[in-house]
């Protein structure tokens, strides 16, 4: 084999390595972001349960709870 062919094969191997390594890194970052979103959704769900319980204890009636919750969302996301 000539030096050119050897270098070409090394170059091809290096490119394949970096492509695979880059993809693994991308997938790892994606997994971390998904786990963060899942954790955040779980926290929001727990906080909504606590809010519903507190509203119930404060006398917010079931027919009005949707309005109460909607007002909370509007307040939370003002400006978005």
Foldseek 3Di string as FASTA:
>chain_A
DDPVVVVVVVVVVVVVVVVVVVVVVVVVVVVVVVVVVVVVVVVVVVVVVVVVVVCVVVPQDPVCVVVVVVVVVCVVPPPD
